[in-house]
Amino acid sequence: FQNYALYPHMTTADNMGFALKIAHVPKPRVQQRVQEAAALLD
C-alpha cells in the first residue's frame, strides 16, 4: 500500500513475518523466509 500499513509495536522481522505467523507456518520456516526477504531488500 501507499501508506506502508506497518504495525508500530512490531519489529521489522515481526512485521515481515506476521502474515505467515497467523497462517500457522512453522516458526523456523517463517524465520527462513524473513531472512531471505531481508537479504533481497538489504
ModelCIF file with pLDDT and N, C-alpha, C, O atoms, coordinates in Angstrom:
data_MODEL
#
_entry.id   MODEL 
#
_entity.id                         1 
_entity.type                       polymer 
_entity.pdbx_number_of_molecules   1 
#
_entity_poly.entity_id                      1 
_entity_poly.type                           'polypeptide(L)' 
_entity_poly.nstd_linkage                   no 
_entity_poly.nstd_monomer                   no 
_entity_poly.pdbx_seq_one_letter_code       FQNYALYPHMTTADNMGFALKIAHVPKPRVQQRVQEAAALLD 
_entity_poly.pdbx_seq_one_letter_code_can   FQNYALYPHMTTADNMGFALKIAHVPKPRVQQRVQEAAALLD 
_entity_poly.pdbx_strand_id                 A 
#
loop_
_entity_poly_seq.entity_id 
_entity_poly_seq.num 
_entity_poly_seq.mon_id 
_entity_poly_seq.hetero 
1 1  PHE n 
1 2  GLN n 
1 3  ASN n 
1 4  TYR n 
1 5  ALA n 
1 6  LEU n 
1 7  TYR n 
1 8  PRO n 
1 9  HIS n 
1 10 MET n 
1 11 THR n 
1 12 THR n 
1 13 ALA n 
1 14 ASP n 
1 15 ASN n 
1 16 MET n 
1 17 GLY n 
1 18 PHE n 
1 19 ALA n 
1 20 LEU n 
1 21 LYS n 
1 22 ILE n 
1 23 ALA n 
1 24 HIS n 
1 25 VAL n 
1 26 PRO n 
1 27 LYS n 
1 28 PRO n 
1 29 ARG n 
1 30 VAL n 
1 31 GLN n 
1 32 GLN n 
1 33 ARG n 
1 34 VAL n 
1 35 GLN n 
1 36 GLU n 
1 37 ALA n 
1 38 ALA n 
1 39 ALA n 
1 40 LEU n 
1 41 LEU n 
1 42 ASP n 
#
_struct_asym.id          A 
_struct_asym.entity_id   1 
#
loop_
_ma_qa_metric.id 
_ma_qa_metric.mode 
_ma_qa_metric.name 
_ma_qa_metric.software_group_id 
_ma_qa_metric.type 
1 global pLDDT . pLDDT 
2 local  pLDDT . pLDDT 
#
_ma_qa_metric_global.metric_id      1 
_ma_qa_metric_global.metric_value   90.74 
_ma_qa_metric_global.model_id       1 
_ma_qa_metric_global.ordinal_id     1 
#
loop_
_ma_qa_metric_local.label_asym_id 
_ma_qa_metric_local.label_comp_id 
_ma_qa_metric_local.label_seq_id 
_ma_qa_metric_local.metric_id 
_ma_qa_metric_local.metric_value 
_ma_qa_metric_local.model_id 
_ma_qa_metric_local.ordinal_id 
A PHE 1  2 85.00 1 1  
A GLN 2  2 81.00 1 2  
A ASN 3  2 82.00 1 3  
A TYR 4  2 81.00 1 4  
A ALA 5  2 84.00 1 5  
A LEU 6  2 91.00 1 6  
A TYR 7  2 92.00 1 7  
A PRO 8  2 93.00 1 8  
A HIS 9  2 95.00 1 9  
A MET 10 2 95.00 1 10 
A THR 11 2 95.00 1 11 
A THR 12 2 95.00 1 12 
A ALA 13 2 95.00 1 13 
A ASP 14 2 94.00 1 14 
A ASN 15 2 94.00 1 15 
A MET 16 2 94.00 1 16 
A GLY 17 2 93.00 1 17 
A PHE 18 2 92.00 1 18 
A ALA 19 2 88.00 1 19 
A LEU 20 2 91.00 1 20 
A LYS 21 2 91.00 1 21 
A ILE 22 2 88.00 1 22 
A ALA 23 2 87.00 1 23 
A HIS 24 2 91.00 1 24 
A VAL 25 2 92.00 1 25 
A PRO 26 2 94.00 1 26 
A LYS 27 2 93.00 1 27 
A PRO 28 2 93.00 1 28 
A ARG 29 2 94.00 1 29 
A VAL 30 2 93.00 1 30 
A GLN 31 2 93.00 1 31 
A GLN 32 2 93.00 1 32 
A ARG 33 2 92.00 1 33 
A VAL 34 2 94.00 1 34 
A GLN 35 2 93.00 1 35 
A GLU 36 2 90.00 1 36 
A ALA 37 2 90.00 1 37 
A ALA 38 2 91.00 1 38 
A ALA 39 2 89.00 1 39 
A LEU 40 2 86.00 1 40 
A LEU 41 2 88.00 1 41 
A ASP 42 2 86.00 1 42 
#
loop_
_atom_site.group_PDB 
_atom_site.id 
_atom_site.type_symbol 
_atom_site.label_atom_id 
_atom_site.label_alt_id 
_atom_site.label_comp_id 
_atom_site.label_asym_id 
_atom_site.label_entity_id 
_atom_site.label_seq_id 
_atom_site.pdbx_PDB_ins_code 
_atom_site.Cartn_x 
_atom_site.Cartn_y 
_atom_site.Cartn_z 
_atom_site.occupancy 
_atom_site.B_iso_or_equiv 
_atom_site.pdbx_formal_charge 
_atom_site.auth_seq_id 
_atom_site.auth_comp_id 
_atom_site.auth_asym_id 
_atom_site.auth_atom_id 
_atom_site.pdbx_PDB_model_num 
ATOM 1   N N  . PHE A 1 1  ? 0.818  -1.198  0.000  1.00 85.00 ? 1  PHE A N  1 
ATOM 2   C CA . PHE A 1 1  ? 0.000  0.000   0.000  1.00 85.00 ? 1  PHE A CA 1 
ATOM 3   C C  . PHE A 1 1  ? 0.864  1.267   0.000  1.00 85.00 ? 1  PHE A C  1 
ATOM 4   O O  . PHE A 1 1  ? 2.066  1.230   0.263  1.00 85.00 ? 1  PHE A O  1 
ATOM 5   N N  . GLN A 1 2  ? 0.208  2.376   -0.303 1.00 81.00 ? 2  GLN A N  1 
ATOM 6   C CA . GLN A 1 2  ? 0.880  3.672   -0.316 1.00 81.00 ? 2  GLN A CA 1 
ATOM 7   C C  . GLN A 1 2  ? 1.374  4.071   1.076  1.00 81.00 ? 2  GLN A C  1 
ATOM 8   O O  . GLN A 1 2  ? 2.441  4.671   1.204  1.00 81.00 ? 2  GLN A O  1 
ATOM 9   N N  . ASN A 1 3  ? 0.605  3.741   2.117  1.00 82.00 ? 3  ASN A N  1 
ATOM 10  C CA . ASN A 1 3  ? 0.933  4.223   3.465  1.00 82.00 ? 3  ASN A CA 1 
ATOM 11  C C  . ASN A 1 3  ? 1.666  3.180   4.313  1.00 82.00 ? 3  ASN A C  1 
ATOM 12  O O  . ASN A 1 3  ? 1.706  3.309   5.537  1.00 82.00 ? 3  ASN A O  1 
ATOM 13  N N  . TYR A 1 4  ? 2.245  2.152   3.691  1.00 81.00 ? 4  TYR A N  1 
ATOM 14  C CA . TYR A 1 4  ? 3.072  1.123   4.328  1.00 81.00 ? 4  TYR A CA 1 
ATOM 15  C C  . TYR A 1 4  ? 2.248  0.157   5.184  1.00 81.00 ? 4  TYR A C  1 
ATOM 16  O O  . TYR A 1 4  ? 2.420  -1.056  5.063  1.00 81.00 ? 4  TYR A O  1 
ATOM 17  N N  . ALA A 1 5  ? 1.345  0.669   6.058  1.00 84.00 ? 5  ALA A N  1 
ATOM 18  C CA . ALA A 1 5  ? 0.474  -0.173  6.892  1.00 84.00 ? 5  ALA A CA 1 
ATOM 19  C C  . ALA A 1 5  ? 1.264  -1.143  7.753  1.00 84.00 ? 5  ALA A C  1 
ATOM 20  O O  . ALA A 1 5  ? 0.932  -2.326  7.831  1.00 84.00 ? 5  ALA A O  1 
ATOM 21  N N  . LEU A 1 6  ? 2.324  -0.638  8.408  1.00 91.00 ? 6  LEU A N  1 
ATOM 22  C CA . LEU A 1 6  ? 3.123  -1.461  9.321  1.00 91.00 ? 6  LEU A CA 1 
ATOM 23  C C  . LEU A 1 6  ? 2.568  -1.359  10.741 1.00 91.00 ? 6  LEU A C  1 
ATOM 24  O O  . LEU A 1 6  ? 2.001  -0.335  11.123 1.00 91.00 ? 6  LEU A O  1 
ATOM 25  N N  . TYR A 1 7  ? 2.736  -2.417  11.509 1.00 92.00 ? 7  TYR A N  1 
ATOM 26  C CA . TYR A 1 7  ? 2.342  -2.390  12.917 1.00 92.00 ? 7  TYR A CA 1 
ATOM 27  C C  . TYR A 1 7  ? 3.424  -1.656  13.719 1.00 92.00 ? 7  TYR A C  1 
ATOM 28  O O  . TYR A 1 7  ? 4.566  -2.113  13.751 1.00 92.00 ? 7  TYR A O  1 
ATOM 29  N N  . PRO A 1 8  ? 3.097  -0.542  14.361 1.00 93.00 ? 8  PRO A N  1 
ATOM 30  C CA . PRO A 1 8  ? 4.128  0.277   15.014 1.00 93.00 ? 8  PRO A CA 1 
ATOM 31  C C  . PRO A 1 8  ? 4.802  -0.402  16.202 1.00 93.00 ? 8  PRO A C  1 
ATOM 32  O O  . PRO A 1 8  ? 5.935  -0.060  16.541 1.00 93.00 ? 8  PRO A O  1 
ATOM 33  N N  . HIS A 1 9  ? 4.123  -1.366  16.847 1.00 95.00 ? 9  HIS A N  1 
ATOM 34  C CA . HIS A 1 9  ? 4.690  -2.006  18.040 1.00 95.00 ? 9  HIS A CA 1 
ATOM 35  C C  . HIS A 1 9  ? 5.535  -3.233  17.700 1.00 95.00 ? 9  HIS A C  1 
ATOM 36  O O  . HIS A 1 9  ? 6.114  -3.858  18.588 1.00 95.00 ? 9  HIS A O  1 
ATOM 37  N N  . MET A 1 10 ? 5.605  -3.576  16.410 1.00 95.00 ? 10 MET A N  1 
ATOM 38  C CA . MET A 1 10 ? 6.363  -4.755  15.999 1.00 95.00 ? 10 MET A CA 1 
ATOM 39  C C  . MET A 1 10 ? 7.688  -4.359  15.367 1.00 95.00 ? 10 MET A C  1 
ATOM 40  O O  . MET A 1 10 ? 7.813  -3.278  14.792 1.00 95.00 ? 10 MET A O  1 
ATOM 41  N N  . THR A 1 11 ? 8.675  -5.237  15.477 1.00 95.00 ? 11 THR A N  1 
ATOM 42  C CA . THR A 1 11 ? 9.951  -5.033  14.801 1.00 95.00 ? 11 THR A CA 1 
ATOM 43  C C  . THR A 1 11 ? 9.788  -5.295  13.300 1.00 95.00 ? 11 THR A C  1 
ATOM 44  O O  . THR A 1 11 ? 8.756  -5.782  12.840 1.00 95.00 ? 11 THR A O  1 
ATOM 45  N N  . THR A 1 12 ? 10.837 -4.955  12.562 1.00 95.00 ? 12 THR A N  1 
ATOM 46  C CA . THR A 1 12 ? 10.837 -5.231  11.120 1.00 95.00 ? 12 THR A CA 1 
ATOM 47  C C  . THR A 1 12 ? 10.607 -6.715  10.852 1.00 95.00 ? 12 THR A C  1 
ATOM 48  O O  . THR A 1 12 ? 9.797  -7.077  9.999  1.00 95.00 ? 12 THR A O  1 
ATOM 49  N N  . ALA A 1 13 ? 11.322 -7.573  11.583 1.00 95.00 ? 13 ALA A N  1 
ATOM 50  C CA . ALA A 1 13 ? 11.183 -9.021  11.370 1.00 95.00 ? 13 ALA A CA 1 
ATOM 51  C C  . ALA A 1 13 ? 9.762  -9.483  11.669 1.00 95.00 ? 13 ALA A C  1 
ATOM 52  O O  . ALA A 1 13 ? 9.197  -10.293 10.933 1.00 95.00 ? 13 ALA A O  1 
ATOM 53  N N  . ASP A 1 14 ? 9.184  -8.962  12.758 1.00 94.00 ? 14 ASP A N  1 
ATOM 54  C CA . ASP A 1 14 ? 7.820  -9.377  13.125 1.00 94.00 ? 14 ASP A CA 1 
ATOM 55  C C  . ASP A 1 14 ? 6.795  -8.890  12.107 1.00 94.00 ? 14 ASP A C  1 
ATOM 56  O O  . ASP A 1 14 ? 5.854  -9.610  11.774 1.00 94.00 ? 14 ASP A O  1 
ATOM 57  N N  . ASN A 1 15 ? 6.980  -7.655  11.609 1.00 94.00 ? 15 ASN A N  1 
ATOM 58  C CA . ASN A 1 15 ? 6.076  -7.144  10.579 1.00 94.00 ? 15 ASN A CA 1 
ATOM 59  C C  . ASN A 1 15 ? 6.130  -8.002  9.331  1.00 94.00 ? 15 ASN A C  1 
ATOM 60  O O  . ASN A 1 15 ? 5.101  -8.330  8.741  1.00 94.00 ? 15 ASN A O  1 
ATOM 61  N N  . MET A 1 16 ? 7.343  -8.362  8.936  1.00 94.00 ? 16 MET A N  1 
ATOM 62  C CA . MET A 1 16 ? 7.501  -9.137  7.710  1.00 94.00 ? 16 MET A CA 1 
ATOM 63  C C  . MET A 1 16 ? 6.938  -10.547 7.844  1.00 94.00 ? 16 MET A C  1 
ATOM 64  O O  . MET A 1 16 ? 6.424  -11.108 6.876  1.00 94.00 ? 16 MET A O  1 
ATOM 65  N N  . GLY A 1 17 ? 7.032  -11.110 9.020  1.00 93.00 ? 17 GLY A N  1 
ATOM 66  C CA . GLY A 1 17 ? 6.605  -12.495 9.188  1.00 93.00 ? 17 GLY A CA 1 
ATOM 67  C C  . GLY A 1 17 ? 5.216  -12.670 9.749  1.00 93.00 ? 17 GLY A C  1 
ATOM 68  O O  . GLY A 1 17 ? 4.773  -13.800 9.954  1.00 93.00 ? 17 GLY A O  1 
ATOM 69  N N  . PHE A 1 18 ? 4.503  -11.556 10.007 1.00 92.00 ? 18 PHE A N  1 
ATOM 70  C CA . PHE A 1 18 ? 3.223  -11.653 10.709 1.00 92.00 ? 18 PHE A CA 1 
ATOM 71  C C  . PHE A 1 18 ? 2.187  -12.465 9.931  1.00 92.00 ? 18 PHE A C  1 
ATOM 72  O O  . PHE A 1 18 ? 1.488  -13.296 10.511 1.00 92.00 ? 18 PHE A O  1 
ATOM 73  N N  . ALA A 1 19 ? 2.087  -12.230 8.624  1.00 88.00 ? 19 ALA A N  1 
ATOM 74  C CA . ALA A 1 19 ? 1.079  -12.958 7.827  1.00 88.00 ? 19 ALA A CA 1 
ATOM 75  C C  . ALA A 1 19 ? 1.336  -14.459 7.860  1.00 88.00 ? 19 ALA A C  1 
ATOM 76  O O  . ALA A 1 19 ? 0.393  -15.249 7.863  1.00 88.00 ? 19 ALA A O  1 
ATOM 77  N N  . LEU A 1 20 ? 2.609  -14.858 7.885  1.00 91.00 ? 20 LEU A N  1 
ATOM 78  C CA . LEU A 1 20 ? 2.931  -16.283 7.955  1.00 91.00 ? 20 LEU A CA 1 
ATOM 79  C C  . LEU A 1 20 ? 2.611  -16.843 9.335  1.00 91.00 ? 20 LEU A C  1 
ATOM 80  O O  . LEU A 1 20 ? 2.173  -17.985 9.474  1.00 91.00 ? 20 LEU A O  1 
ATOM 81  N N  . LYS A 1 21 ? 2.836  -16.020 10.344 1.00 91.00 ? 21 LYS A N  1 
ATOM 82  C CA . LYS A 1 21 ? 2.581  -16.469 11.717 1.00 91.00 ? 21 LYS A CA 1 
ATOM 83  C C  . LYS A 1 21 ? 1.101  -16.788 11.921 1.00 91.00 ? 21 LYS A C  1 
ATOM 84  O O  . LYS A 1 21 ? 0.751  -17.822 12.490 1.00 91.00 ? 21 LYS A O  1 
ATOM 85  N N  . ILE A 1 22 ? 0.217  -15.864 11.438 1.00 88.00 ? 22 ILE A N  1 
ATOM 86  C CA . ILE A 1 22 ? -1.216 -16.105 11.638 1.00 88.00 ? 22 ILE A CA 1 
ATOM 87  C C  . ILE A 1 22 ? -1.731 -17.212 10.717 1.00 88.00 ? 22 ILE A C  1 
ATOM 88  O O  . ILE A 1 22 ? -2.822 -17.744 10.923 1.00 88.00 ? 22 ILE A O  1 
ATOM 89  N N  . ALA A 1 23 ? -0.936 -17.553 9.699  1.00 87.00 ? 23 ALA A N  1 
ATOM 90  C CA . ALA A 1 23 ? -1.289 -18.689 8.828  1.00 87.00 ? 23 ALA A CA 1 
ATOM 91  C C  . ALA A 1 23 ? -0.737 -19.994 9.389  1.00 87.00 ? 23 ALA A C  1 
ATOM 92  O O  . ALA A 1 23 ? -0.850 -21.044 8.757  1.00 87.00 ? 23 ALA A O  1 
ATOM 93  N N  . HIS A 1 24 ? -0.126 -19.924 10.605 1.00 91.00 ? 24 HIS A N  1 
ATOM 94  C CA . HIS A 1 24 ? 0.390  -21.096 11.324 1.00 91.00 ? 24 HIS A CA 1 
ATOM 95  C C  . HIS A 1 24 ? 1.540  -21.781 10.576 1.00 91.00 ? 24 HIS A C  1 
ATOM 96  O O  . HIS A 1 24 ? 1.702  -22.999 10.652 1.00 91.00 ? 24 HIS A O  1 
ATOM 97  N N  . VAL A 1 25 ? 2.332  -20.985 9.857  1.00 92.00 ? 25 VAL A N  1 
ATOM 98  C CA . VAL A 1 25 ? 3.550  -21.515 9.250  1.00 92.00 ? 25 VAL A CA 1 
ATOM 99  C C  . VAL A 1 25 ? 4.555  -21.773 10.375 1.00 92.00 ? 25 VAL A C  1 
ATOM 100 O O  . VAL A 1 25 ? 4.694  -20.932 11.264 1.00 92.00 ? 25 VAL A O  1 
ATOM 101 N N  . PRO A 1 26 ? 5.251  -22.896 10.365 1.00 94.00 ? 26 PRO A N  1 
ATOM 102 C CA . PRO A 1 26 ? 6.204  -23.189 11.442 1.00 94.00 ? 26 PRO A CA 1 
ATOM 103 C C  . PRO A 1 26 ? 7.236  -22.062 11.618 1.00 94.00 ? 26 PRO A C  1 
ATOM 104 O O  . PRO A 1 26 ? 7.684  -21.454 10.646 1.00 94.00 ? 26 PRO A O  1 
ATOM 105 N N  . LYS A 1 27 ? 7.600  -21.803 12.877 1.00 93.00 ? 27 LYS A N  1 
ATOM 106 C CA . LYS A 1 27 ? 8.487  -20.677 13.192 1.00 93.00 ? 27 LYS A CA 1 
ATOM 107 C C  . LYS A 1 27 ? 9.818  -20.736 12.445 1.00 93.00 ? 27 LYS A C  1 
ATOM 108 O O  . LYS A 1 27 ? 10.259 -19.702 11.942 1.00 93.00 ? 27 LYS A O  1 
ATOM 109 N N  . PRO A 1 28 ? 10.480 -21.890 12.344 1.00 93.00 ? 28 PRO A N  1 
ATOM 110 C CA . PRO A 1 28 ? 11.747 -21.929 11.591 1.00 93.00 ? 28 PRO A CA 1 
ATOM 111 C C  . PRO A 1 28 ? 11.564 -21.510 10.126 1.00 93.00 ? 28 PRO A C  1 
ATOM 112 O O  . PRO A 1 28 ? 12.420 -20.844 9.545  1.00 93.00 ? 28 PRO A O  1 
ATOM 113 N N  . ARG A 1 29 ? 10.422 -21.918 9.540  1.00 94.00 ? 29 ARG A N  1 
ATOM 114 C CA . ARG A 1 29 ? 10.159 -21.540 8.135  1.00 94.00 ? 29 ARG A CA 1 
ATOM 115 C C  . ARG A 1 29 ? 9.904  -20.046 8.023  1.00 94.00 ? 29 ARG A C  1 
ATOM 116 O O  . ARG A 1 29 ? 10.340 -19.415 7.059  1.00 94.00 ? 29 ARG A O  1 
ATOM 117 N N  . VAL A 1 30 ? 9.200  -19.468 8.998  1.00 93.00 ? 30 VAL A N  1 
ATOM 118 C CA . VAL A 1 30 ? 8.965  -18.025 8.996  1.00 93.00 ? 30 VAL A CA 1 
ATOM 119 C C  . VAL A 1 30 ? 10.294 -17.285 9.055  1.00 93.00 ? 30 VAL A C  1 
ATOM 120 O O  . VAL A 1 30 ? 10.524 -16.353 8.285  1.00 93.00 ? 30 VAL A O  1 
ATOM 121 N N  . GLN A 1 31 ? 11.164 -17.694 9.961  1.00 93.00 ? 31 GLN A N  1 
ATOM 122 C CA . GLN A 1 31 ? 12.460 -17.033 10.115 1.00 93.00 ? 31 GLN A CA 1 
ATOM 123 C C  . GLN A 1 31 ? 13.294 -17.148 8.838  1.00 93.00 ? 31 GLN A C  1 
ATOM 124 O O  . GLN A 1 31 ? 13.981 -16.206 8.443  1.00 93.00 ? 31 GLN A O  1 
ATOM 125 N N  . GLN A 1 32 ? 13.221 -18.315 8.203  1.00 93.00 ? 32 GLN A N  1 
ATOM 126 C CA . GLN A 1 32 ? 13.975 -18.510 6.962  1.00 93.00 ? 32 GLN A CA 1 
ATOM 127 C C  . GLN A 1 32 ? 13.494 -17.557 5.873  1.00 93.00 ? 32 GLN A C  1 
ATOM 128 O O  . GLN A 1 32 ? 14.306 -16.929 5.194  1.00 93.00 ? 32 GLN A O  1 
ATOM 129 N N  . ARG A 1 33 ? 12.167 -17.446 5.703  1.00 92.00 ? 33 ARG A N  1 
ATOM 130 C CA . ARG A 1 33 ? 11.624 -16.568 4.658  1.00 92.00 ? 33 ARG A CA 1 
ATOM 131 C C  . ARG A 1 33 ? 11.926 -15.096 4.956  1.00 92.00 ? 33 ARG A C  1 
ATOM 132 O O  . ARG A 1 33 ? 12.232 -14.321 4.049  1.00 92.00 ? 33 ARG A O  1 
ATOM 133 N N  . VAL A 1 34 ? 11.838 -14.720 6.237  1.00 94.00 ? 34 VAL A N  1 
ATOM 134 C CA . VAL A 1 34 ? 12.156 -13.334 6.599  1.00 94.00 ? 34 VAL A CA 1 
ATOM 135 C C  . VAL A 1 34 ? 13.620 -13.024 6.294  1.00 94.00 ? 34 VAL A C  1 
ATOM 136 O O  . VAL A 1 34 ? 13.932 -11.950 5.780  1.00 94.00 ? 34 VAL A O  1 
ATOM 137 N N  . GLN A 1 35 ? 14.523 -13.962 6.611  1.00 93.00 ? 35 GLN A N  1 
ATOM 138 C CA . GLN A 1 35 ? 15.942 -13.746 6.329  1.00 93.00 ? 35 GLN A CA 1 
ATOM 139 C C  . GLN A 1 35 ? 16.192 -13.646 4.826  1.00 93.00 ? 35 GLN A C  1 
ATOM 140 O O  . GLN A 1 35 ? 16.998 -12.826 4.385  1.00 93.00 ? 35 GLN A O  1 
ATOM 141 N N  . GLU A 1 36 ? 15.516 -14.464 4.048  1.00 90.00 ? 36 GLU A N  1 
ATOM 142 C CA . GLU A 1 36 ? 15.681 -14.423 2.590  1.00 90.00 ? 36 GLU A CA 1 
ATOM 143 C C  . GLU A 1 36 ? 15.190 -13.097 2.023  1.00 90.00 ? 36 GLU A C  1 
ATOM 144 O O  . GLU A 1 36 ? 15.853 -12.499 1.176  1.00 90.00 ? 36 GLU A O  1 
ATOM 145 N N  . ALA A 1 37 ? 14.023 -12.633 2.490  1.00 90.00 ? 37 ALA A N  1 
ATOM 146 C CA . ALA A 1 37 ? 13.494 -11.354 2.017  1.00 90.00 ? 37 ALA A CA 1 
ATOM 147 C C  . ALA A 1 37 ? 14.378 -10.198 2.455  1.00 90.00 ? 37 ALA A C  1 
ATOM 148 O O  . ALA A 1 37 ? 14.596 -9.257  1.692  1.00 90.00 ? 37 ALA A O  1 
ATOM 149 N N  . ALA A 1 38 ? 14.896 -10.265 3.696  1.00 91.00 ? 38 ALA A N  1 
ATOM 150 C CA . ALA A 1 38 ? 15.777 -9.205  4.194  1.00 91.00 ? 38 ALA A CA 1 
ATOM 151 C C  . ALA A 1 38 ? 17.047 -9.111  3.359  1.00 91.00 ? 38 ALA A C  1 
ATOM 152 O O  . ALA A 1 38 ? 17.557 -8.017  3.121  1.00 91.00 ? 38 ALA A O  1 
ATOM 153 N N  . ALA A 1 39 ? 17.561 -10.263 2.911  1.00 89.00 ? 39 ALA A N  1 
ATOM 154 C CA . ALA A 1 39 ? 18.756 -10.259 2.066  1.00 89.00 ? 39 ALA A CA 1 
ATOM 155 C C  . ALA A 1 39 ? 18.469 -9.596  0.724  1.00 89.00 ? 39 ALA A C  1 
ATOM 156 O O  . ALA A 1 39 ? 19.285 -8.824  0.219  1.00 89.00 ? 39 ALA A O  1 
ATOM 157 N N  . LEU A 1 40 ? 17.299 -9.902  0.143  1.00 86.00 ? 40 LEU A N  1 
ATOM 158 C CA . LEU A 1 40 ? 16.936 -9.303  -1.135 1.00 86.00 ? 40 LEU A CA 1 
ATOM 159 C C  . LEU A 1 40 ? 16.751 -7.792  -1.037 1.00 86.00 ? 40 LEU A C  1 
ATOM 160 O O  . LEU A 1 40 ? 17.064 -7.059  -1.975 1.00 86.00 ? 40 LEU A O  1 
ATOM 161 N N  . LEU A 1 41 ? 16.237 -7.328  0.111  1.00 88.00 ? 41 LEU A N  1 
ATOM 162 C CA . LEU A 1 41 ? 15.881 -5.916  0.270  1.00 88.00 ? 41 LEU A CA 1 
ATOM 163 C C  . LEU A 1 41 ? 16.896 -5.126  1.075  1.00 88.00 ? 41 LEU A C  1 
ATOM 164 O O  . LEU A 1 41 ? 16.671 -3.956  1.387  1.00 88.00 ? 41 LEU A O  1 
ATOM 165 N N  . ASP A 1 42 ? 18.020 -5.763  1.414  1.00 86.00 ? 42 ASP A N  1 
ATOM 166 C CA . ASP A 1 42 ? 19.074 -5.104  2.187  1.00 86.00 ? 42 ASP A CA 1 
ATOM 167 C C  . ASP A 1 42 ? 18.526 -4.577  3.523  1.00 86.00 ? 42 ASP A C  1 
ATOM 168 O O  . ASP A 1 42 ? 19.272 -3.991  4.308  1.00 86.00 ? 42 ASP A O  1 
#
